């Protein structure tokens, strides 16, 4: 922490790390990660509408993030938007076929689907 407005060594390390991440990953990726965190927190708190808003924005900023799509699917499901949930789970699996949570969620959606 800082004493009387003077940054101590740990503060400078944190500032340097954040600066490196923003420059290496880009501001959009960093902002996407913050939105993913906020959306996940809203989902955990039982607020799917706030979760959807944050996670949809995170998906725009980090379109290759399978985890964002999976959590967006969970938020859609919590808001009873089943078609949107299925699409998000499908995108999550397409982005990362090793995302076991997304695979499990997609299988659950398919198993619960009424026969055609």
N, C-alpha and C. Protein backbone atom coordinates (compact mmCIF):
# COMPACT_ATOMS: atom_id res chain seq x y z
N UNK A 1 0.84 -1.19 0.00
CA UNK A 1 0.00 0.00 0.00
C UNK A 1 0.88 1.24 0.00
N UNK A 2 0.24 2.38 -0.08
CA UNK A 2 1.00 3.62 -0.10
C UNK A 2 0.95 4.29 1.26
N UNK A 3 2.02 5.04 1.54
CA UNK A 3 2.08 5.83 2.76
C UNK A 3 2.18 7.29 2.37
N UNK A 4 1.21 8.09 2.82
CA UNK A 4 1.20 9.53 2.55
C UNK A 4 1.34 9.84 1.06
N UNK A 5 0.66 9.05 0.23
CA UNK A 5 0.66 9.32 -1.19
C UNK A 5 1.89 8.85 -1.94
N UNK A 6 2.82 8.19 -1.27
CA UNK A 6 4.03 7.69 -1.92
C UNK A 6 3.83 6.21 -2.20
N UNK A 7 4.05 5.82 -3.44
CA UNK A 7 3.89 4.41 -3.79
C UNK A 7 5.06 3.60 -3.28
N UNK A 8 4.74 2.52 -2.64
CA UNK A 8 5.79 1.61 -2.20
C UNK A 8 6.05 0.60 -3.31
N UNK A 9 7.04 -0.22 -3.14
CA UNK A 9 7.44 -1.17 -4.18
C UNK A 9 6.28 -2.05 -4.66
N UNK A 10 5.47 -2.67 -3.78
CA UNK A 10 4.37 -3.51 -4.29
C UNK A 10 3.40 -2.74 -5.17
N UNK A 11 3.14 -1.46 -4.87
CA UNK A 11 2.26 -0.65 -5.71
C UNK A 11 2.86 -0.49 -7.10
N UNK A 12 4.14 -0.24 -7.19
CA UNK A 12 4.79 -0.06 -8.49
C UNK A 12 4.78 -1.36 -9.27
N UNK A 13 4.94 -2.47 -8.59
CA UNK A 13 4.88 -3.77 -9.27
C UNK A 13 3.50 -3.98 -9.86
N UNK A 14 2.46 -3.69 -9.09
CA UNK A 14 1.09 -3.84 -9.58
C UNK A 14 0.82 -2.91 -10.75
N UNK A 15 1.25 -1.66 -10.64
CA UNK A 15 1.06 -0.70 -11.73
C UNK A 15 1.80 -1.19 -12.98
N UNK A 16 3.01 -1.67 -12.80
CA UNK A 16 3.78 -2.18 -13.94
C UNK A 16 3.13 -3.39 -14.58
N UNK A 17 2.61 -4.28 -13.75
CA UNK A 17 1.94 -5.47 -14.27
C UNK A 17 0.68 -5.09 -15.05
N UNK A 18 -0.10 -4.19 -14.51
CA UNK A 18 -1.31 -3.75 -15.22
C UNK A 18 -0.96 -3.06 -16.54
N UNK A 19 0.07 -2.23 -16.51
CA UNK A 19 0.50 -1.55 -17.74
C UNK A 19 0.96 -2.56 -18.78
N UNK A 20 1.70 -3.57 -18.33
CA UNK A 20 2.16 -4.61 -19.25
C UNK A 20 0.97 -5.36 -19.85
N UNK A 21 0.01 -5.75 -19.01
CA UNK A 21 -1.14 -6.49 -19.51
C UNK A 21 -1.94 -5.68 -20.51
N UNK A 22 -2.15 -4.41 -20.23
CA UNK A 22 -2.91 -3.57 -21.15
C UNK A 22 -2.16 -3.43 -22.47
N UNK A 23 -0.84 -3.24 -22.40
CA UNK A 23 -0.09 -3.07 -23.65
C UNK A 23 0.03 -4.38 -24.42
N UNK A 24 0.20 -5.49 -23.71
CA UNK A 24 0.36 -6.78 -24.37
C UNK A 24 -0.96 -7.32 -24.89
N UNK A 25 -1.99 -7.19 -24.11
CA UNK A 25 -3.27 -7.78 -24.48
C UNK A 25 -4.21 -6.78 -25.15
N UNK A 26 -3.98 -5.54 -24.94
CA UNK A 26 -4.84 -4.51 -25.51
C UNK A 26 -5.92 -4.10 -24.52
N UNK A 27 -6.32 -2.86 -24.65
CA UNK A 27 -7.34 -2.33 -23.74
C UNK A 27 -8.65 -3.08 -23.84
N UNK A 28 -9.03 -3.48 -25.06
CA UNK A 28 -10.29 -4.19 -25.23
C UNK A 28 -10.30 -5.50 -24.46
N UNK A 29 -9.20 -6.24 -24.52
CA UNK A 29 -9.13 -7.51 -23.81
C UNK A 29 -9.20 -7.29 -22.31
N UNK A 30 -8.50 -6.27 -21.83
CA UNK A 30 -8.51 -5.96 -20.40
C UNK A 30 -9.92 -5.55 -19.96
N UNK A 31 -10.55 -4.67 -20.74
CA UNK A 31 -11.93 -4.25 -20.42
C UNK A 31 -12.88 -5.44 -20.52
N UNK A 32 -12.66 -6.32 -21.50
CA UNK A 32 -13.47 -7.52 -21.63
C UNK A 32 -13.37 -8.40 -20.39
N UNK A 33 -12.16 -8.50 -19.84
CA UNK A 33 -11.96 -9.31 -18.63
C UNK A 33 -12.70 -8.71 -17.44
N UNK A 34 -12.70 -7.41 -17.34
CA UNK A 34 -13.43 -6.74 -16.25
C UNK A 34 -14.93 -6.97 -16.41
N UNK A 35 -15.43 -6.86 -17.64
CA UNK A 35 -16.85 -7.10 -17.89
C UNK A 35 -17.23 -8.55 -17.63
N UNK A 36 -16.34 -9.48 -17.99
CA UNK A 36 -16.57 -10.90 -17.70
C UNK A 36 -16.69 -11.10 -16.19
N UNK A 37 -15.78 -10.50 -15.44
CA UNK A 37 -15.83 -10.60 -13.98
C UNK A 37 -17.14 -10.03 -13.44
N UNK A 38 -17.52 -8.85 -13.93
CA UNK A 38 -18.74 -8.20 -13.45
C UNK A 38 -19.98 -9.02 -13.82
N UNK A 39 -19.99 -9.55 -15.04
CA UNK A 39 -21.12 -10.38 -15.48
C UNK A 39 -21.24 -11.65 -14.67
N UNK A 40 -20.10 -12.26 -14.37
CA UNK A 40 -20.09 -13.48 -13.56
C UNK A 40 -20.59 -13.19 -12.16
N UNK A 41 -20.17 -12.07 -11.60
CA UNK A 41 -20.64 -11.69 -10.26
C UNK A 41 -22.16 -11.45 -10.26
N UNK A 42 -22.65 -10.79 -11.30
CA UNK A 42 -24.10 -10.54 -11.39
C UNK A 42 -24.85 -11.85 -11.52
N UNK A 43 -24.32 -12.77 -12.31
CA UNK A 43 -24.95 -14.08 -12.47
C UNK A 43 -24.98 -14.82 -11.14
N UNK A 44 -23.85 -14.79 -10.42
CA UNK A 44 -23.78 -15.44 -9.10
C UNK A 44 -24.73 -14.81 -8.09
N UNK A 45 -25.00 -13.51 -8.27
CA UNK A 45 -25.90 -12.80 -7.36
C UNK A 45 -27.37 -12.96 -7.76
N UNK A 46 -27.62 -13.69 -8.84
CA UNK A 46 -28.99 -13.94 -9.25
C UNK A 46 -29.60 -12.82 -10.09
N UNK A 47 -28.76 -12.04 -10.76
CA UNK A 47 -29.24 -10.94 -11.58
C UNK A 47 -28.87 -11.20 -13.05
N UNK A 48 -29.66 -12.04 -13.74
CA UNK A 48 -29.31 -12.40 -15.11
C UNK A 48 -29.34 -11.22 -16.08
N UNK A 49 -30.17 -10.23 -15.83
CA UNK A 49 -30.26 -9.08 -16.74
C UNK A 49 -28.95 -8.29 -16.72
N UNK A 50 -28.43 -8.01 -15.53
CA UNK A 50 -27.14 -7.31 -15.42
C UNK A 50 -26.02 -8.19 -15.96
N UNK A 51 -26.11 -9.49 -15.73
CA UNK A 51 -25.09 -10.42 -16.23
C UNK A 51 -25.07 -10.40 -17.76
N UNK A 52 -26.24 -10.45 -18.37
CA UNK A 52 -26.32 -10.44 -19.84
C UNK A 52 -25.72 -9.15 -20.39
N UNK A 53 -26.06 -8.02 -19.79
CA UNK A 53 -25.54 -6.74 -20.28
C UNK A 53 -24.01 -6.73 -20.26
N UNK A 54 -23.42 -7.15 -19.15
CA UNK A 54 -21.96 -7.14 -19.03
C UNK A 54 -21.32 -8.19 -19.94
N UNK A 55 -21.89 -9.38 -19.97
CA UNK A 55 -21.29 -10.46 -20.75
C UNK A 55 -21.45 -10.26 -22.25
N UNK A 56 -22.54 -9.66 -22.69
CA UNK A 56 -22.67 -9.35 -24.12
C UNK A 56 -21.60 -8.35 -24.55
N UNK A 57 -21.35 -7.38 -23.70
CA UNK A 57 -20.31 -6.40 -24.00
C UNK A 57 -18.93 -7.06 -23.96
N UNK A 58 -18.71 -7.95 -23.00
CA UNK A 58 -17.44 -8.67 -22.93
C UNK A 58 -17.23 -9.52 -24.18
N UNK A 59 -18.30 -10.11 -24.69
CA UNK A 59 -18.21 -10.95 -25.89
C UNK A 59 -17.80 -10.14 -27.11
N UNK A 60 -18.22 -8.89 -27.17
CA UNK A 60 -17.82 -8.02 -28.28
C UNK A 60 -16.34 -7.69 -28.17
N UNK A 61 -15.88 -7.40 -26.95
CA UNK A 61 -14.48 -7.00 -26.74
C UNK A 61 -13.51 -8.18 -26.78
N UNK A 62 -13.99 -9.36 -26.43
CA UNK A 62 -13.14 -10.56 -26.41
C UNK A 62 -13.86 -11.69 -27.14
N UNK A 63 -14.00 -11.57 -28.46
CA UNK A 63 -14.82 -12.53 -29.22
C UNK A 63 -14.27 -13.96 -29.25
N UNK A 64 -13.02 -14.15 -28.91
CA UNK A 64 -12.43 -15.49 -28.93
C UNK A 64 -12.44 -16.16 -27.56
N UNK A 65 -13.09 -15.56 -26.58
CA UNK A 65 -13.10 -16.08 -25.21
C UNK A 65 -14.26 -17.04 -25.01
N UNK A 66 -13.94 -18.31 -25.00
CA UNK A 66 -14.94 -19.36 -24.81
C UNK A 66 -15.65 -19.22 -23.46
N UNK A 67 -14.91 -18.85 -22.44
CA UNK A 67 -15.49 -18.72 -21.10
C UNK A 67 -16.57 -17.65 -21.06
N UNK A 68 -16.35 -16.56 -21.80
CA UNK A 68 -17.36 -15.50 -21.85
C UNK A 68 -18.64 -16.03 -22.47
N UNK A 69 -18.51 -16.76 -23.58
CA UNK A 69 -19.68 -17.33 -24.24
C UNK A 69 -20.41 -18.31 -23.33
N UNK A 70 -19.66 -19.13 -22.60
CA UNK A 70 -20.30 -20.10 -21.70
C UNK A 70 -21.09 -19.39 -20.60
N UNK A 71 -20.49 -18.38 -19.99
CA UNK A 71 -21.20 -17.66 -18.93
C UNK A 71 -22.37 -16.87 -19.50
N UNK A 72 -22.22 -16.36 -20.72
CA UNK A 72 -23.34 -15.68 -21.37
C UNK A 72 -24.48 -16.67 -21.58
N UNK A 73 -24.16 -17.90 -21.97
CA UNK A 73 -25.18 -18.93 -22.10
C UNK A 73 -25.90 -19.19 -20.78
N UNK A 74 -25.15 -19.24 -19.70
CA UNK A 74 -25.76 -19.44 -18.37
C UNK A 74 -26.69 -18.27 -18.01
N UNK A 75 -26.25 -17.06 -18.34
CA UNK A 75 -27.08 -15.89 -18.05
C UNK A 75 -28.36 -15.91 -18.89
N UNK A 76 -28.23 -16.26 -20.17
CA UNK A 76 -29.42 -16.38 -21.02
C UNK A 76 -30.37 -17.44 -20.46
N UNK A 77 -29.82 -18.55 -20.04
CA UNK A 77 -30.64 -19.63 -19.49
C UNK A 77 -31.38 -19.16 -18.24
N UNK A 78 -30.67 -18.42 -17.38
CA UNK A 78 -31.30 -17.89 -16.16
C UNK A 78 -32.41 -16.90 -16.48
N UNK A 79 -32.30 -16.23 -17.64
CA UNK A 79 -33.33 -15.28 -18.07
C UNK A 79 -34.38 -15.95 -18.96
N UNK A 80 -34.32 -17.28 -19.04
CA UNK A 80 -35.26 -18.08 -19.83
C UNK A 80 -35.20 -17.77 -21.32
N UNK A 81 -34.01 -17.45 -21.80
CA UNK A 81 -33.78 -17.21 -23.23
C UNK A 81 -33.04 -18.43 -23.78
N UNK A 82 -33.77 -19.52 -23.92
CA UNK A 82 -33.18 -20.82 -24.25
C UNK A 82 -32.47 -20.85 -25.60
N UNK A 83 -33.04 -20.25 -26.62
CA UNK A 83 -32.39 -20.25 -27.93
C UNK A 83 -31.07 -19.50 -27.90
N UNK A 84 -31.06 -18.36 -27.22
CA UNK A 84 -29.82 -17.59 -27.08
C UNK A 84 -28.79 -18.37 -26.27
N UNK A 85 -29.25 -19.07 -25.23
CA UNK A 85 -28.35 -19.88 -24.40
C UNK A 85 -27.69 -20.97 -25.24
N UNK A 86 -28.49 -21.67 -26.02
CA UNK A 86 -27.95 -22.74 -26.87
C UNK A 86 -26.90 -22.18 -27.82
N UNK A 87 -27.19 -21.04 -28.44
CA UNK A 87 -26.24 -20.42 -29.36
C UNK A 87 -24.93 -20.04 -28.68
N UNK A 88 -25.03 -19.50 -27.48
CA UNK A 88 -23.82 -19.12 -26.74
C UNK A 88 -23.00 -20.36 -26.36
N UNK A 89 -23.67 -21.42 -25.92
CA UNK A 89 -22.95 -22.66 -25.59
C UNK A 89 -22.29 -23.25 -26.84
N UNK A 90 -22.99 -23.20 -27.97
CA UNK A 90 -22.40 -23.71 -29.22
C UNK A 90 -21.18 -22.90 -29.61
N UNK A 91 -21.25 -21.56 -29.47
CA UNK A 91 -20.08 -20.72 -29.77
C UNK A 91 -18.94 -21.04 -28.82
N UNK A 92 -19.24 -21.24 -27.55
CA UNK A 92 -18.19 -21.55 -26.57
C UNK A 92 -17.46 -22.83 -26.94
N UNK A 93 -18.19 -23.86 -27.33
CA UNK A 93 -17.58 -25.13 -27.71
C UNK A 93 -16.81 -24.98 -29.02
N UNK A 94 -17.35 -24.21 -29.95
CA UNK A 94 -16.65 -23.99 -31.23
C UNK A 94 -15.33 -23.26 -31.01
N UNK A 95 -15.30 -22.34 -30.07
CA UNK A 95 -14.08 -21.59 -29.78
C UNK A 95 -13.05 -22.44 -29.05
N UNK A 96 -13.52 -23.35 -28.18
CA UNK A 96 -12.61 -24.18 -27.39
C UNK A 96 -13.28 -25.52 -27.12
N UNK A 97 -12.92 -26.51 -27.93
CA UNK A 97 -13.55 -27.82 -27.78
C UNK A 97 -13.15 -28.51 -26.47
N UNK A 98 -12.18 -27.97 -25.75
CA UNK A 98 -11.78 -28.53 -24.46
C UNK A 98 -12.49 -27.86 -23.28
N UNK A 99 -13.37 -26.93 -23.55
CA UNK A 99 -14.12 -26.26 -22.48
C UNK A 99 -15.20 -27.23 -22.00
N UNK A 100 -14.87 -27.97 -20.97
CA UNK A 100 -15.77 -29.02 -20.46
C UNK A 100 -17.08 -28.46 -19.92
N UNK A 101 -17.02 -27.31 -19.29
CA UNK A 101 -18.25 -26.71 -18.75
C UNK A 101 -19.20 -26.37 -19.88
N UNK A 102 -18.68 -25.80 -20.96
CA UNK A 102 -19.53 -25.45 -22.11
C UNK A 102 -20.08 -26.71 -22.76
N UNK A 103 -19.25 -27.74 -22.88
CA UNK A 103 -19.73 -29.02 -23.45
C UNK A 103 -20.87 -29.58 -22.61
N UNK A 104 -20.69 -29.57 -21.30
CA UNK A 104 -21.71 -30.10 -20.39
C UNK A 104 -23.00 -29.28 -20.50
N UNK A 105 -22.87 -27.96 -20.57
CA UNK A 105 -24.05 -27.10 -20.67
C UNK A 105 -24.77 -27.32 -22.00
N UNK A 106 -24.01 -27.49 -23.07
CA UNK A 106 -24.63 -27.74 -24.38
C UNK A 106 -25.33 -29.09 -24.40
N UNK A 107 -24.70 -30.11 -23.83
CA UNK A 107 -25.35 -31.42 -23.74
C UNK A 107 -26.65 -31.33 -22.95
N UNK A 108 -26.62 -30.57 -21.87
CA UNK A 108 -27.83 -30.38 -21.08
C UNK A 108 -28.94 -29.70 -21.85
N UNK A 109 -28.58 -28.71 -22.66
CA UNK A 109 -29.57 -28.04 -23.50
C UNK A 109 -30.16 -29.00 -24.53
N UNK A 110 -29.30 -29.80 -25.13
CA UNK A 110 -29.78 -30.74 -26.14
C UNK A 110 -30.65 -31.83 -25.52
N UNK A 111 -30.29 -32.28 -24.32
CA UNK A 111 -31.07 -33.32 -23.66
C UNK A 111 -32.45 -32.80 -23.23
N UNK A 112 -32.50 -31.52 -22.89
CA UNK A 112 -33.77 -30.94 -22.43
C UNK A 112 -34.66 -30.46 -23.57
N UNK A 113 -34.10 -30.45 -24.78
CA UNK A 113 -34.88 -29.97 -25.94
C UNK A 113 -36.00 -30.94 -26.26
N UNK A 114 -37.18 -30.42 -26.56
CA UNK A 114 -38.29 -31.31 -26.94
C UNK A 114 -37.98 -31.97 -28.29
N UNK A 115 -38.42 -33.20 -28.49
CA UNK A 115 -38.17 -33.86 -29.78
C UNK A 115 -38.89 -33.13 -30.90
N UNK A 116 -38.26 -33.17 -32.06
CA UNK A 116 -38.84 -32.46 -33.23
C UNK A 116 -39.64 -33.39 -34.08
